[in-house]
Protein backbone atom coordinates (compact mmCIF):
# COMPACT_ATOMS: atom_id res chain seq x y z
CA MET A 1 0.00 0.00 0.00
CA SER A 2 1.32 3.40 -1.00
CA GLN A 3 2.14 5.72 1.87
CA GLY A 4 2.31 9.53 1.96
CA ALA A 5 5.56 11.32 1.25
CA GLY A 6 6.09 12.13 4.92
CA ALA A 7 5.29 8.67 6.21
CA ASN A 8 8.92 7.74 6.82
CA THR A 9 9.92 11.14 8.18
CA PRO A 10 10.72 10.79 11.88
CA ALA A 11 8.63 12.92 14.22
CA PRO A 12 10.50 15.88 15.72
CA PHE A 13 12.00 15.18 19.13
CA VAL A 14 10.23 16.93 21.97
CA PHE A 15 11.96 17.01 25.35
CA ALA A 16 9.58 15.74 28.03
CA PRO A 17 10.89 15.87 31.59
CA MET A 18 10.38 12.75 33.66
CA PRO A 19 7.85 13.36 36.44
CA ASN A 20 9.47 14.62 39.65
CA ASP A 21 12.89 14.99 38.00
CA PRO A 22 14.07 18.45 39.09
CA ILE A 23 17.18 18.45 36.89
CA ALA A 24 15.11 17.65 33.78
CA ILE A 25 12.69 20.46 34.63
CA VAL A 26 15.54 22.91 35.12
CA ARG A 27 17.15 21.92 31.81
CA SER A 28 13.89 22.32 29.91
CA SER A 29 12.93 25.68 31.43
CA ALA A 30 13.46 28.89 29.47
CA ALA A 31 13.44 31.06 32.61
CA PHE A 32 12.82 31.00 36.35
CA CYS A 33 10.95 32.83 39.08
CA VAL A 34 12.91 32.34 42.30
CA ASP A 35 11.71 33.02 45.83
CA LEU A 36 14.07 34.63 48.37
CA ASP A 37 13.31 33.61 51.98
CA GLY A 38 13.82 29.88 52.39
CA VAL A 39 15.33 29.44 48.90
CA LEU A 40 18.25 31.86 48.59
CA TRP A 41 18.59 32.67 52.28
CA GLU A 42 17.23 32.27 55.78
CA GLY A 43 17.57 35.59 57.58
CA ASN A 44 21.16 36.59 56.81
CA ARG A 45 22.39 33.05 56.13
CA LEU A 46 23.00 32.17 52.50
CA LEU A 47 21.56 28.75 51.61
CA PRO A 48 23.53 26.05 49.73
CA GLY A 49 23.71 26.40 45.97
CA ALA A 50 22.10 29.86 45.82
CA ILE A 51 24.92 31.72 44.07
CA GLU A 52 25.96 28.74 41.95
CA PHE A 53 22.42 28.16 40.67
CA LEU A 54 22.00 31.79 39.61
CA GLU A 55 25.41 31.71 37.89
CA GLN A 56 24.32 28.54 36.10
CA CYS A 57 21.14 30.29 34.89
CA HIS A 58 23.22 33.16 33.51
CA ALA A 59 25.62 30.78 31.76
CA ALA A 60 22.73 28.81 30.24
CA GLY A 61 20.87 31.92 29.05
CA GLN A 62 17.94 31.33 31.40
CA PRO A 63 16.78 34.71 32.80
CA VAL A 64 15.65 34.95 36.42
CA ALA A 65 13.03 37.08 38.16
CA PHE A 66 13.00 37.21 41.95
CA LEU A 67 9.40 36.83 43.08
CA THR A 68 9.06 37.50 46.78
CA ASN A 69 6.43 38.19 49.41
CA THR A 70 9.04 40.08 51.42
CA VAL A 71 7.52 43.38 52.53
CA SER A 72 9.72 44.56 55.40
CA LEU A 73 12.54 45.39 52.97
CA SER A 74 12.13 47.65 49.94
CA ARG A 75 13.44 46.53 46.57
CA ARG A 76 16.40 48.89 47.07
CA MET A 77 17.15 47.22 50.41
CA LEU A 78 16.81 43.75 48.89
CA ALA A 79 19.27 44.67 46.13
CA GLY A 80 21.67 45.81 48.86
CA LYS A 81 21.27 42.46 50.60
CA PHE A 82 22.07 40.74 47.30
CA ARG A 83 25.36 42.66 47.17
CA ARG A 84 26.24 41.88 50.80
CA LEU A 85 25.63 38.15 50.30
CA GLY A 86 27.29 38.04 46.87
CA ILE A 87 24.06 37.13 45.05
CA PRO A 88 24.03 38.08 41.36
CA GLY A 89 20.89 40.13 40.75
CA THR A 90 19.56 43.65 40.32
CA GLU A 91 16.69 45.71 41.69
CA GLU A 92 14.95 45.50 38.30
CA GLN A 93 14.73 41.71 38.66
CA ILE A 94 12.89 41.93 41.99
CA PHE A 95 9.10 41.66 42.05
CA SER A 96 7.97 42.16 45.63
CA ALA A 97 4.63 42.08 47.40
CA GLY A 98 5.22 45.54 48.83
CA ARG A 99 5.87 47.02 45.39
CA ALA A 100 2.80 45.33 43.90
CA ALA A 101 0.57 46.66 46.69
CA GLY A 102 2.01 50.17 46.40
CA LEU A 103 1.46 50.28 42.64
CA TYR A 104 -2.15 49.15 43.15
CA ILE A 105 -2.81 51.98 45.60
CA GLN A 106 -1.16 54.50 43.27
CA SER A 107 -3.36 53.27 40.40
CA ARG A 108 -6.45 53.79 42.55
CA GLU A 109 -5.49 57.18 43.93
CA PRO A 110 -2.25 58.88 42.87
CA GLY A 111 -0.38 60.27 45.87
CA ALA A 112 -2.81 58.62 48.30
CA ARG A 113 -2.44 58.99 52.06
CA VAL A 114 -1.45 55.59 53.45
CA PHE A 115 -1.25 54.33 57.03
CA VAL A 116 1.57 51.75 56.99
CA LEU A 117 1.41 48.82 59.39
CA GLY A 118 4.95 47.78 58.61
CA GLN A 119 8.61 48.63 58.87
CA ALA A 120 10.87 51.27 57.34
CA GLY A 121 11.28 49.24 54.15
CA THR A 122 7.52 49.17 53.61
CA VAL A 123 7.31 52.92 54.13
CA GLU A 124 10.18 53.43 51.66
CA GLU A 125 8.44 51.29 49.04
CA MET A 126 5.22 53.26 49.42
CA VAL A 127 7.13 56.53 48.92
CA SER A 128 8.87 55.08 45.85
CA CYS A 129 5.41 54.37 44.41
CA GLY A 130 4.46 58.04 44.85
CA LEU A 131 2.33 57.59 47.97
CA THR A 132 2.19 59.63 51.19
CA PRO A 133 2.64 57.74 54.48
CA VAL A 134 0.54 59.26 57.28
CA GLU A 135 -0.46 58.41 60.84
CA ARG A 136 -4.09 59.51 60.58
CA ASP A 137 -6.82 60.41 58.07
CA ALA A 138 -5.56 57.79 55.62
CA GLY A 139 -7.34 56.63 52.50
CA PHE A 140 -5.62 53.23 52.67
CA VAL A 141 -4.13 50.94 55.32
CA MET A 142 -1.12 49.03 54.00
CA ILE A 143 -0.65 45.82 56.02
CA GLY A 144 2.79 44.23 56.09
CA VAL A 145 5.05 42.86 58.83
CA ASP A 146 5.87 45.14 61.77
CA ARG A 147 8.39 43.71 64.21
CA GLN A 148 8.06 46.76 66.45
CA ALA A 149 4.25 46.80 66.41
CA THR A 150 2.61 47.84 69.67
CA PHE A 151 -1.01 47.49 70.64
CA ASP A 152 -1.42 51.23 70.07
CA LYS A 153 -0.16 50.92 66.49
CA LEU A 154 -2.44 47.97 65.79
CA LYS A 155 -5.31 49.97 67.32
CA ALA A 156 -4.48 52.95 65.09
CA ALA A 157 -4.48 50.76 61.96
CA CYS A 158 -7.84 49.29 62.91
CA ARG A 159 -9.33 52.71 63.61
CA GLU A 160 -8.24 53.96 60.19
CA GLY A 161 -10.03 50.98 58.67
CA LEU A 162 -13.12 51.55 60.81
CA ASN A 163 -13.12 55.16 59.63
CA GLY A 164 -13.36 54.00 56.03
CA ALA A 165 -9.77 53.55 54.84
CA GLU A 166 -9.39 50.76 52.28
CA LEU A 167 -7.43 47.74 53.54
CA VAL A 168 -4.56 46.45 51.40
CA ALA A 169 -2.36 43.48 52.34
CA ALA A 170 1.07 42.60 51.01
CA ASN A 171 0.59 38.85 51.35
CA PRO A 172 -1.25 36.13 53.28
CA ASP A 173 1.89 34.47 54.69
CA ARG A 174 1.36 32.86 58.06
CA TRP A 175 5.10 32.73 58.71
CA PHE A 176 8.47 32.95 57.00
CA PRO A 177 11.81 31.28 57.83
CA GLU A 178 14.78 32.76 59.65
CA GLU A 179 17.94 31.22 61.09
CA ASP A 180 16.36 30.52 64.50
CA GLY A 181 12.99 29.32 63.20
CA PRO A 182 9.65 30.55 61.83
CA VAL A 183 8.62 34.20 62.21
CA PRO A 184 4.96 35.38 62.10
CA GLY A 185 4.19 36.77 58.65
CA ALA A 186 2.05 39.55 57.20
CA GLY A 187 -0.96 37.23 57.20
CA CYS A 188 -1.03 37.43 61.01
CA PHE A 189 -1.28 41.24 60.95
CA LYS A 190 -3.82 41.00 58.13
CA ALA A 191 -6.05 38.69 60.18
CA PHE A 192 -5.87 40.99 63.23
CA VAL A 193 -6.99 44.09 61.31
CA GLU A 194 -9.62 42.23 59.27
CA TRP A 195 -11.23 40.74 62.37
CA CYS A 196 -11.54 44.14 64.01
CA VAL A 197 -12.66 46.08 60.93
CA GLY A 198 -14.95 43.37 59.55
CA ARG A 199 -13.62 43.62 55.99
CA GLN A 200 -11.21 41.53 53.96
CA ALA A 201 -7.93 42.99 52.70
CA PRO A 202 -7.06 42.00 49.11
CA VAL A 203 -3.61 40.48 48.66
CA PHE A 204 -1.15 41.72 46.03
CA GLY A 205 1.81 39.42 46.60
CA LYS A 206 1.88 35.69 45.87
CA PRO A 207 -0.39 33.81 45.19
CA ASP A 208 -2.19 36.69 43.41
CA PRO A 209 -1.84 36.05 39.64
CA ALA A 210 -0.95 39.67 38.85
CA ILE A 211 2.51 39.53 40.44
CA PHE A 212 3.30 36.36 38.46
CA HIS A 213 2.15 38.01 35.22
CA HIS A 214 4.36 41.05 35.92
CA ALA A 215 7.36 38.74 36.30
CA LEU A 216 6.44 36.78 33.14
CA ARG A 217 6.31 39.98 31.09
CA PHE A 218 9.76 40.90 32.37
CA LEU A 219 11.13 37.43 31.50
CA GLY A 220 9.56 37.45 28.03
CA HIS A 221 8.46 33.80 28.06
CA PRO A 222 5.04 32.12 28.29
CA PRO A 223 4.17 30.55 31.65
CA GLU A 224 4.57 26.96 30.44
CA ARG A 225 8.27 27.70 29.75
CA VAL A 226 8.93 29.24 33.18
CA THR A 227 9.48 27.37 36.46
CA MET A 228 8.83 28.76 39.93
CA ILE A 229 11.27 27.68 42.66
CA GLY A 230 9.91 28.31 46.14
CA ASP A 231 9.44 26.98 49.64
CA ASN A 232 5.76 27.68 50.31
CA ALA A 233 3.14 25.32 48.92
CA GLU A 234 0.29 27.77 49.43
CA VAL A 235 1.74 30.83 47.70
CA ASP A 236 4.55 29.52 45.46
CA LEU A 237 2.98 26.27 44.26
CA GLY A 238 -0.63 27.48 44.31
CA GLY A 239 0.16 30.78 42.60
CA SER A 240 2.47 29.39 39.90
CA HIS A 241 0.18 26.50 38.94
CA ALA A 242 -2.77 28.92 38.74
CA VAL A 243 -1.04 30.83 35.91
CA GLY A 244 0.28 27.73 34.12
CA MET A 245 3.86 27.60 35.42
CA ARG A 246 5.67 24.56 36.76
CA CYS A 247 6.92 24.61 40.34
CA ILE A 248 9.83 23.04 42.21
CA LEU A 249 9.56 23.17 45.99
CA VAL A 250 12.58 22.91 48.26
CA GLU A 251 12.30 20.25 50.94
CA GLY A 252 10.76 21.41 54.18
CA ALA A 253 8.17 23.54 52.34
CA HIS A 254 5.06 23.76 54.49
CA PRO A 255 2.25 21.79 52.82
CA HIS A 256 -1.24 23.11 52.24
CA PRO A 257 -4.22 20.71 52.06
CA GLY A 258 -6.09 20.68 48.77
CA LEU A 259 -3.27 21.96 46.56
CA ASP A 260 -1.69 20.13 43.64
CA GLN A 261 1.57 18.33 44.14
CA PRO A 262 4.70 20.20 43.02
CA ASP A 263 6.23 19.18 39.71
CA ALA A 264 9.38 18.24 41.64
CA THR A 265 11.11 18.76 44.96
CA CYS A 266 14.76 19.24 45.89
CA ARG A 267 16.77 19.59 49.07
CA ASP A 268 18.06 23.04 48.11
CA LEU A 269 19.38 24.83 45.03
CA SER A 270 22.60 22.82 45.05
CA ALA A 271 20.50 19.86 43.84
CA LEU A 272 19.69 21.77 40.64
CA LEU A 273 23.27 22.29 39.45
CA TYR A 274 23.63 20.39 36.18
CA LEU A 275 26.50 22.31 34.54
CA ARG A 276 29.08 20.07 36.15
CA SER A 277 30.27 16.50 35.81
CA ASP A 278 27.71 13.78 36.48
CA ALA A 279 29.80 12.50 39.37
CA THR A 280 29.72 15.88 41.04
CA ARG A 281 26.03 16.47 40.32
CA LEU A 282 24.99 13.12 41.76
CA ARG A 283 26.37 14.12 45.14
CA HIS A 284 23.79 16.94 45.26
CA VAL A 285 20.64 15.20 43.98
């Protein structure tokens, strides 16, 4: 029986990563979104493989965006921390929850008066977005993490909300990692103010899709070609899968019932170093 002209032409090879193979996923990714706390560092302690993985991405032509729910440090401060720890990266690569929230407020009301429940870095980010931090008569309450929060400051934030100020939250994080253990996150402050005011605060960090889409536009690749590397199943896994990205979670990531499984897991970023001899790489997988 006669066959068509293309019958004997082999089908083009398409690379398909084996399920749960982090190295295969890294090799097949065009770009990455990388979390900071718990992936690159814990507090001021650099985690294994952080610098080497980012250098590998640069060598392989895989651009990186840093996608973080950090709100206590401004993007300028985060870029300074990169330099102190020797991490290759720039302020332009950083997509933070604080920045996303500030830009939302500015889009709603340019130059808005904002009561900031947060630290100096949060205030700085609001100013960089063109907003006006105030202690009373605010149009918005920006909820972040405030390590020096007193009952009086929490009371003031709640009263601004009760007086009609719109609530805005950086992220829903219950906690984040530091060298000596978990630290209460912005989600704790969010819950306190919400319960008193009786209104929900929208979230503008992960897992909100908008912050992922901002990073994807910067990277210039469709979501199916980009892999998120994070440590939080709720915000990193849930948020990346919602926009069509793959996700690798580092071991120890806190699970969240009802979410999909990650595409792969690894101990830390040193397990994702493939630009080395197989013998060396196997020691890290």
